Amino acid sequence: MSTIQVARLALAATMGLSLAVTTVEAQIFYEGVDSGFQAPSGDTNVLPAGSKLMRLWDGGCALTEGVTAGHDGYMYFSDITFTKFCKDPTNTYLQAGNIWRYDPRSGDTTIYRSPSGMSNGIKFDADGNMIAALGADYGGRMLIKTEMATGRTFILSGLFRGRPYNALNDITIDEQRRIYFSDPRYLGHEPVEQPGFAVYRLDTDGSVNRIVTAAGKTNGVLVSPDQKTFYVVSNDNGFLGFMQLDEGEGTLKGHNLLQAFDLAADGTVSNRRVLIDYAPDSGPDGLAADVDGNIYVAERSESRPGISVRTATGKELAFISTGEEMPTNVGFGRGAEADVLYVTSGKSLYKIKMAKKGYELP
């Protein structure tokens, strides 16, 4: 066994955990630690019998988010360091957010970028560039692109009609290279200067269009593999800055929905319909799709947190519990891990073997 494997076995023994580790010759990817959550269940056409959600990393400060596969073989994800809770060891200075890079082979997780600009959703375009949605709470509140080969970063959109965005949240990209991003606001001290919550489309000529305004507090977004459906989450907690709530204060939730629109070839949307209304629970968060068009939904429902696998019309095929943790996002691996679903939940990173391969941009 390698030194890394021996060390992990020793650590697991001291923690009373069991790691699935085999010889170097037989193992290609680090398998992780059984999460201990309720066993996943559902249609074996999407969820292999006996598949388990495995914990890979548990080092976030407040909330992990935006897990996505880079073209370089690594998985990238955001560590959103809510400044009310995340400070330096002296409890004096505020943490400024991180993007972590996870190596599926060694199991090692290292800082890729810090400060992150309070990145939330992350995606890679067809050329292998990292696209990141930056939020508020001392974040950048803009859409950026990083050339992975050079490290140079470009601002794709920093303002809409001359005013800052609320707090960019999630990203999806179509096969015509247009980038769609949502703009709610859940936390941050910065002024809110946009008139509401929306989804925007960045075209290849650099122009930005506001394409969705009547979908609640927009969060997760997804273009279907056939490019004909646009999914939009509404997750409305009823407040613009939950960290400013005083003890004992509550909110009145708005719409918590999984919605679908028809997506036209020109990038416009129409024919809104509600696939799932999660009331009285909170709504979902991030989304992913497999090659057959099934959607994988991070559901932050208080009564049943976890990842649901659903048909394009919302019918549930399988469910992966995240225990008492609220999941935030999902993303498939690439290459030999194209059928492995990665999950950000709580302060951790997880993965689970699926029966379908994830959809990626051609």
Protein backbone atom coordinates (compact mmCIF):
# COMPACT_ATOMS: atom_id res chain seq x y z
CA MET A 1 0.00 0.00 0.00
CA SER A 2 1.02 3.59 -0.51
CA THR A 3 1.99 5.84 2.38
CA ILE A 4 -1.24 7.80 1.86
CA GLN A 5 -3.36 4.65 2.09
CA VAL A 6 -1.61 3.40 5.24
CA ALA A 7 -2.05 6.80 6.88
CA ARG A 8 -5.76 6.85 6.02
CA LEU A 9 -6.27 3.35 7.44
CA ALA A 10 -4.55 4.39 10.66
CA LEU A 11 -6.68 7.54 10.90
CA ALA A 12 -9.83 5.55 10.24
CA ALA A 13 -8.95 3.08 12.98
CA THR A 14 -8.53 5.85 15.54
CA MET A 15 -11.89 7.34 14.49
CA GLY A 16 -13.71 4.03 14.51
CA LEU A 17 -14.36 4.34 10.76
CA SER A 18 -14.01 1.87 7.93
CA LEU A 19 -12.32 2.87 4.70
CA ALA A 20 -12.71 0.90 1.50
CA VAL A 21 -9.04 0.79 0.46
CA THR A 22 -7.45 -1.82 -1.78
CA THR A 23 -4.02 -2.17 -3.29
CA VAL A 24 -2.48 0.53 -5.45
CA GLU A 25 -2.78 -1.75 -8.46
CA ALA A 26 -6.54 -2.25 -7.99
CA GLN A 27 -7.55 1.22 -6.86
CA ILE A 28 -7.72 4.17 -9.21
CA PHE A 29 -9.77 6.59 -7.12
CA TYR A 30 -9.96 7.31 -3.41
CA GLU A 31 -13.18 5.76 -2.15
CA GLY A 32 -13.77 7.85 0.96
CA VAL A 33 -15.57 7.12 4.22
CA ASP A 34 -19.14 5.86 4.45
CA SER A 35 -21.26 8.89 5.33
CA GLY A 36 -23.39 6.85 7.70
CA PHE A 37 -26.57 8.36 6.27
CA GLN A 38 -29.65 6.31 5.50
CA ALA A 39 -29.02 4.02 2.54
CA PRO A 40 -29.94 5.46 -0.87
CA SER A 41 -32.89 3.85 -2.61
CA GLY A 42 -34.61 3.85 -5.96
CA ASP A 43 -34.57 2.65 -9.53
CA THR A 44 -31.45 0.59 -10.24
CA ASN A 45 -31.42 2.02 -13.76
CA VAL A 46 -30.10 5.25 -12.23
CA LEU A 47 -28.83 4.12 -8.78
CA PRO A 48 -26.81 0.89 -8.62
CA ALA A 49 -27.81 -1.52 -5.87
CA GLY A 50 -25.60 -1.08 -2.82
CA SER A 51 -24.25 2.34 -3.86
CA LYS A 52 -23.32 4.50 -0.86
CA LEU A 53 -22.72 8.18 -0.35
CA MET A 54 -19.06 8.48 0.68
CA ARG A 55 -17.55 11.43 2.55
CA LEU A 56 -14.36 12.72 0.93
CA TRP A 57 -13.61 15.94 2.81
CA ASP A 58 -15.00 17.75 5.81
CA GLY A 59 -13.05 20.97 6.21
CA GLY A 60 -15.38 23.79 5.22
CA CYS A 61 -16.19 26.71 7.49
CA ALA A 62 -19.86 27.38 6.80
CA LEU A 63 -21.09 26.00 3.48
CA THR A 64 -19.61 24.04 0.58
CA GLU A 65 -21.09 24.71 -2.86
CA GLY A 66 -20.72 24.54 -6.62
CA VAL A 67 -18.89 21.23 -7.13
CA THR A 68 -17.82 20.69 -10.74
CA ALA A 69 -15.33 18.65 -12.76
CA GLY A 70 -12.38 20.41 -14.36
CA HIS A 71 -10.86 19.23 -17.61
CA ASP A 72 -7.63 18.57 -15.71
CA GLY A 73 -8.99 15.62 -13.71
CA TYR A 74 -9.68 17.56 -10.51
CA MET A 75 -12.99 18.44 -8.87
CA TYR A 76 -13.44 22.07 -7.82
CA PHE A 77 -15.87 23.46 -5.26
CA SER A 78 -16.59 26.62 -3.29
CA ASP A 79 -16.17 27.07 0.46
CA ILE A 80 -18.46 29.99 1.27
CA THR A 81 -17.11 31.50 4.47
CA PHE A 82 -20.01 33.45 5.95
CA THR A 83 -18.21 36.37 7.57
CA LYS A 84 -20.48 36.36 10.62
CA PHE A 85 -19.13 32.94 11.57
CA CYS A 86 -15.80 32.43 9.77
CA LYS A 87 -12.83 34.31 11.17
CA ASP A 88 -9.13 33.81 11.75
CA PRO A 89 -7.85 31.89 14.84
CA THR A 90 -7.85 35.08 16.90
CA ASN A 91 -11.50 35.71 15.98
CA THR A 92 -10.47 39.14 14.68
CA TYR A 93 -10.36 39.04 10.88
CA LEU A 94 -12.96 37.76 8.43
CA GLN A 95 -12.30 34.84 6.11
CA ALA A 96 -12.67 35.77 2.45
CA GLY A 97 -13.88 32.56 0.81
CA ASN A 98 -12.04 29.70 -0.87
CA ILE A 99 -12.16 27.54 -3.96
CA TRP A 100 -10.84 24.06 -3.18
CA ARG A 101 -9.40 21.50 -5.60
CA TYR A 102 -10.01 17.82 -4.88
CA ASP A 103 -7.83 15.07 -6.40
CA PRO A 104 -10.01 11.96 -6.99
CA ARG A 105 -6.98 9.67 -7.13
CA SER A 106 -5.14 10.62 -3.95
CA GLY A 107 -8.12 11.98 -2.02
CA ASP A 108 -6.16 15.16 -1.28
CA THR A 109 -7.94 18.51 -1.11
CA THR A 110 -5.98 21.73 -1.45
CA ILE A 111 -6.74 25.43 -1.83
CA TYR A 112 -6.97 26.46 -5.47
CA ARG A 113 -7.92 30.11 -4.91
CA SER A 114 -8.25 32.28 -1.83
CA PRO A 115 -9.81 34.79 -1.62
CA SER A 116 -12.46 33.40 -3.92
CA GLY A 117 -14.52 36.56 -4.32
CA MET A 118 -17.14 34.57 -2.37
CA SER A 119 -17.65 32.22 -5.28
CA ASN A 120 -20.79 30.10 -5.28
CA GLY A 121 -21.64 28.18 -8.45
CA ILE A 122 -18.75 27.02 -10.66
CA LYS A 123 -18.80 25.47 -14.14
CA PHE A 124 -16.26 24.72 -16.86
CA ASP A 125 -16.94 25.81 -20.42
CA ALA A 126 -16.24 23.67 -23.49
CA ASP A 127 -12.68 25.06 -23.67
CA GLY A 128 -11.87 24.10 -20.08
CA ASN A 129 -12.12 27.61 -18.64
CA MET A 130 -13.51 28.00 -15.13
CA ILE A 131 -16.65 30.13 -14.93
CA ALA A 132 -17.51 31.30 -11.41
CA ALA A 133 -20.49 33.15 -9.95
CA LEU A 134 -19.33 35.52 -7.22
CA GLY A 135 -21.71 36.47 -4.43
CA ALA A 136 -22.01 39.22 -1.83
CA ASP A 137 -20.76 39.45 1.80
CA TYR A 138 -17.48 41.12 0.70
CA GLY A 139 -17.65 39.15 -2.56
CA GLY A 140 -17.24 40.23 -6.14
CA ARG A 141 -20.93 40.08 -7.22
CA MET A 142 -19.91 39.31 -10.80
CA LEU A 143 -19.39 36.54 -13.35
CA ILE A 144 -15.75 35.70 -14.06
CA LYS A 145 -13.75 33.39 -16.33
CA THR A 146 -10.36 31.92 -15.45
CA GLU A 147 -8.03 30.50 -18.09
CA MET A 148 -6.78 27.36 -16.39
CA ALA A 149 -3.61 27.24 -18.51
CA THR A 150 -2.47 30.76 -17.57
CA GLY A 151 -4.40 31.59 -14.39
CA ARG A 152 -5.59 34.88 -15.88
CA THR A 153 -9.10 35.91 -14.90
CA PHE A 154 -11.57 38.02 -16.88
CA ILE A 155 -14.77 39.78 -15.80
CA LEU A 156 -17.53 38.49 -18.06
CA SER A 157 -20.21 40.63 -16.45
CA GLY A 158 -19.82 42.95 -13.48
CA LEU A 159 -22.86 45.20 -13.85
CA PHE A 160 -26.29 45.06 -15.41
CA ARG A 161 -27.58 48.38 -16.75
CA GLY A 162 -24.87 50.13 -14.81
CA ARG A 163 -25.69 48.63 -11.41
CA PRO A 164 -24.13 45.77 -9.43
CA TYR A 165 -25.82 42.41 -9.29
CA ASN A 166 -27.47 41.24 -6.06
CA ALA A 167 -25.30 38.16 -5.46
CA LEU A 168 -24.64 35.72 -8.29
CA ASN A 169 -25.51 32.15 -7.37
CA ASP A 170 -25.57 29.41 -10.01
CA ILE A 171 -24.42 28.86 -13.61
CA THR A 172 -25.33 26.71 -16.59
CA ILE A 173 -23.93 26.80 -20.14
CA ASP A 174 -25.58 25.78 -23.41
CA GLU A 175 -23.98 24.18 -26.45
CA GLN A 176 -23.89 27.54 -28.24
CA ARG A 177 -21.53 28.76 -25.47
CA ARG A 178 -24.07 31.07 -23.89
CA ILE A 179 -23.84 31.32 -20.10
CA TYR A 180 -26.93 31.58 -17.89
CA PHE A 181 -26.68 32.72 -14.26
CA SER A 182 -29.06 33.37 -11.39
CA ASP A 183 -28.98 36.40 -9.10
CA PRO A 184 -30.83 36.12 -5.76
CA ARG A 185 -29.58 37.50 -2.42
CA TYR A 186 -29.39 35.53 0.81
CA LEU A 187 -26.68 37.34 2.72
CA GLY A 188 -24.40 40.35 2.55
CA HIS A 189 -24.21 43.93 3.76
CA GLU A 190 -23.94 45.50 0.30
CA PRO A 191 -26.81 47.62 -1.08
CA VAL A 192 -29.32 45.79 -3.28
CA GLU A 193 -29.47 47.76 -6.52
CA GLN A 194 -31.21 45.41 -8.94
CA PRO A 195 -35.03 45.65 -8.93
CA GLY A 196 -35.59 41.97 -8.19
CA PHE A 197 -34.42 38.38 -8.52
CA ALA A 198 -33.67 37.15 -12.03
CA VAL A 199 -31.82 34.86 -14.40
CA TYR A 200 -29.50 36.42 -16.98
CA ARG A 201 -27.97 35.17 -20.23
CA LEU A 202 -24.49 36.17 -21.33
CA ASP A 203 -24.17 35.86 -25.12
CA THR A 204 -20.93 35.18 -26.96
CA ASP A 205 -20.71 38.82 -28.08
CA GLY A 206 -20.55 39.91 -24.42
CA SER A 207 -24.09 41.24 -24.23
CA VAL A 208 -26.26 40.34 -21.23
CA ASN A 209 -30.02 39.83 -21.31
CA ARG A 210 -32.36 39.39 -18.36
CA ILE A 211 -34.45 36.40 -19.42
CA VAL A 212 -36.35 35.31 -16.28
CA THR A 213 -38.02 37.69 -13.82
CA ALA A 214 -41.13 35.72 -12.80
CA ALA A 215 -39.66 32.62 -11.17
CA GLY A 216 -39.37 33.59 -7.52
CA LYS A 217 -36.02 33.85 -5.75
CA THR A 218 -33.94 32.27 -8.48
CA ASN A 219 -31.25 29.81 -7.46
CA GLY A 220 -30.21 26.63 -9.31
CA VAL A 221 -30.30 26.73 -13.12
CA LEU A 222 -29.80 24.00 -15.72
CA VAL A 223 -29.98 23.63 -19.50
CA SER A 224 -31.20 20.14 -20.44
CA PRO A 225 -28.92 17.92 -22.57
CA ASP A 226 -31.27 18.26 -25.58
CA GLN A 227 -31.07 22.07 -25.19
CA LYS A 228 -34.86 22.36 -25.18
CA THR A 229 -35.66 22.81 -21.48
CA PHE A 230 -34.43 25.36 -18.96
CA TYR A 231 -34.82 24.44 -15.29
CA VAL A 232 -34.96 27.16 -12.64
CA VAL A 233 -35.16 26.74 -8.87
CA SER A 234 -36.94 29.20 -6.60
CA ASN A 235 -35.65 28.99 -3.04
CA ASP A 236 -37.15 31.91 -1.16
CA ASN A 237 -36.28 32.11 2.52
CA GLY A 238 -38.11 35.43 2.84
CA PHE A 239 -35.11 37.62 3.66
CA LEU A 240 -32.25 39.35 1.85
CA GLY A 241 -29.69 38.97 4.62
CA PHE A 242 -30.33 36.08 7.00
CA MET A 243 -27.18 36.91 8.97
CA GLN A 244 -28.75 40.22 9.99
CA LEU A 245 -31.66 38.49 11.72
CA ASP A 246 -31.68 38.87 15.48
CA GLU A 247 -32.12 35.88 17.74
CA GLY A 248 -35.74 34.77 17.74
CA GLU A 249 -36.63 36.57 14.52
CA GLY A 250 -38.14 34.51 11.73
CA THR A 251 -39.18 35.04 8.12
CA LEU A 252 -42.16 34.26 5.93
CA LYS A 253 -41.02 32.00 3.12
CA GLY A 254 -41.90 32.72 -0.46
CA HIS A 255 -42.08 30.24 -3.33
CA ASN A 256 -39.92 27.10 -3.08
CA LEU A 257 -40.19 25.43 -6.47
CA LEU A 258 -38.57 23.36 -9.17
CA GLN A 259 -39.68 24.95 -12.44
CA ALA A 260 -39.17 24.29 -16.14
CA PHE A 261 -39.34 26.56 -19.18
CA ASP A 262 -39.18 25.85 -22.88
CA LEU A 263 -35.78 26.99 -24.17
CA ALA A 264 -35.73 28.34 -27.74
CA ALA A 265 -32.75 28.20 -30.08
CA ASP A 266 -32.18 31.93 -29.56
CA GLY A 267 -31.79 31.49 -25.78
CA THR A 268 -35.17 32.87 -24.79
CA VAL A 269 -37.55 31.01 -22.48
CA SER A 270 -41.32 30.57 -22.36
CA ASN A 271 -44.09 28.30 -21.06
CA ARG A 272 -43.18 28.28 -17.36
CA ARG A 273 -44.50 25.31 -15.41
CA VAL A 274 -44.03 24.13 -11.83
CA LEU A 275 -42.71 20.59 -11.58
CA ILE A 276 -42.57 20.45 -7.77
CA ASP A 277 -43.83 22.78 -5.05
CA TYR A 278 -41.86 22.02 -1.87
CA ALA A 279 -44.08 24.03 0.52
CA PRO A 280 -44.01 24.15 3.48
CA ASP A 281 -40.37 23.03 3.25
CA SER A 282 -37.54 25.03 1.73
CA GLY A 283 -36.80 24.60 -1.93
CA PRO A 284 -33.94 22.91 -3.73
CA ASP A 285 -30.55 24.34 -4.68
CA GLY A 286 -28.15 23.13 -7.39
CA LEU A 287 -28.95 20.86 -10.35
CA ALA A 288 -27.19 18.46 -12.72
CA ALA A 289 -28.29 16.20 -15.55
CA ASP A 290 -27.28 12.79 -16.86
CA VAL A 291 -26.92 11.88 -20.52
CA ASP A 292 -30.54 10.68 -20.68
CA GLY A 293 -31.94 13.97 -19.38
CA ASN A 294 -32.72 12.89 -15.83
CA ILE A 295 -32.12 15.69 -13.34
CA TYR A 296 -30.28 15.45 -10.02
CA VAL A 297 -31.66 17.93 -7.50
CA ALA A 298 -30.05 19.05 -4.23
CA GLU A 299 -33.19 19.31 -2.10
CA ARG A 300 -32.96 21.40 1.06
CA SER A 301 -36.28 20.14 2.38
CA GLU A 302 -36.29 20.18 6.18
CA SER A 303 -38.40 17.01 6.30
CA ARG A 304 -36.14 15.06 3.90
CA PRO A 305 -32.79 16.59 2.95
CA GLY A 306 -30.94 14.87 0.15
CA ILE A 307 -30.41 14.41 -3.57
CA SER A 308 -33.36 13.31 -5.66
CA VAL A 309 -33.01 11.86 -9.14
CA ARG A 310 -35.99 12.90 -11.24
CA THR A 311 -37.27 12.58 -14.77
CA ALA A 312 -37.55 15.65 -16.94
CA THR A 313 -41.15 16.04 -15.73
CA GLY A 314 -40.25 15.79 -12.03
CA LYS A 315 -41.09 12.16 -11.23
CA GLU A 316 -38.73 10.83 -8.56
CA LEU A 317 -36.61 7.84 -9.58
CA ALA A 318 -34.19 7.63 -6.65
CA PHE A 319 -33.25 9.41 -3.44
CA ILE A 320 -29.90 9.86 -1.67
CA SER A 321 -30.22 11.04 1.92
CA THR A 322 -27.79 13.59 3.36
CA GLY A 323 -28.92 12.91 6.92
CA GLU A 324 -29.61 16.14 8.76
CA GLU A 325 -27.31 18.14 6.47
CA MET A 326 -28.76 20.46 3.87
CA PRO A 327 -27.24 19.71 0.43
CA THR A 328 -26.26 22.57 -1.83
CA ASN A 329 -25.09 21.25 -5.18
CA VAL A 330 -24.26 18.29 -7.39
CA GLY A 331 -21.91 17.64 -10.30
CA PHE A 332 -20.70 14.59 -12.21
CA GLY A 333 -17.06 13.66 -12.63
CA ARG A 334 -15.35 13.24 -15.98
CA GLY A 335 -13.64 10.42 -17.84
CA ALA A 336 -13.49 7.26 -15.77
CA GLU A 337 -15.64 9.01 -13.15
CA ALA A 338 -18.32 10.17 -15.58
CA ASP A 339 -20.86 8.09 -13.66
CA VAL A 340 -19.82 9.37 -10.23
CA LEU A 341 -21.99 12.08 -8.71
CA TYR A 342 -20.23 14.55 -6.41
CA VAL A 343 -22.28 16.32 -3.74
CA THR A 344 -21.63 19.40 -1.61
CA SER A 345 -23.59 19.30 1.64
CA GLY A 346 -23.08 21.03 4.95
CA LYS A 347 -19.34 21.70 5.24
CA SER A 348 -18.34 18.59 3.30
CA LEU A 349 -17.75 16.97 -0.08
CA TYR A 350 -19.23 13.56 -0.97
CA LYS A 351 -19.51 11.21 -3.92
CA ILE A 352 -21.69 8.28 -4.98
CA LYS A 353 -21.56 5.86 -7.90
CA MET A 354 -24.52 6.18 -10.26
CA ALA A 355 -25.73 3.99 -13.12
CA LYS A 356 -25.84 6.86 -15.63
CA LYS A 357 -23.08 9.10 -16.93
CA GLY A 358 -23.36 12.81 -16.37
CA TYR A 359 -24.01 15.20 -19.24
CA GLU A 360 -21.07 17.41 -20.19
CA LEU A 361 -20.70 20.08 -22.87
CA PRO A 362 -19.40 18.61 -26.14
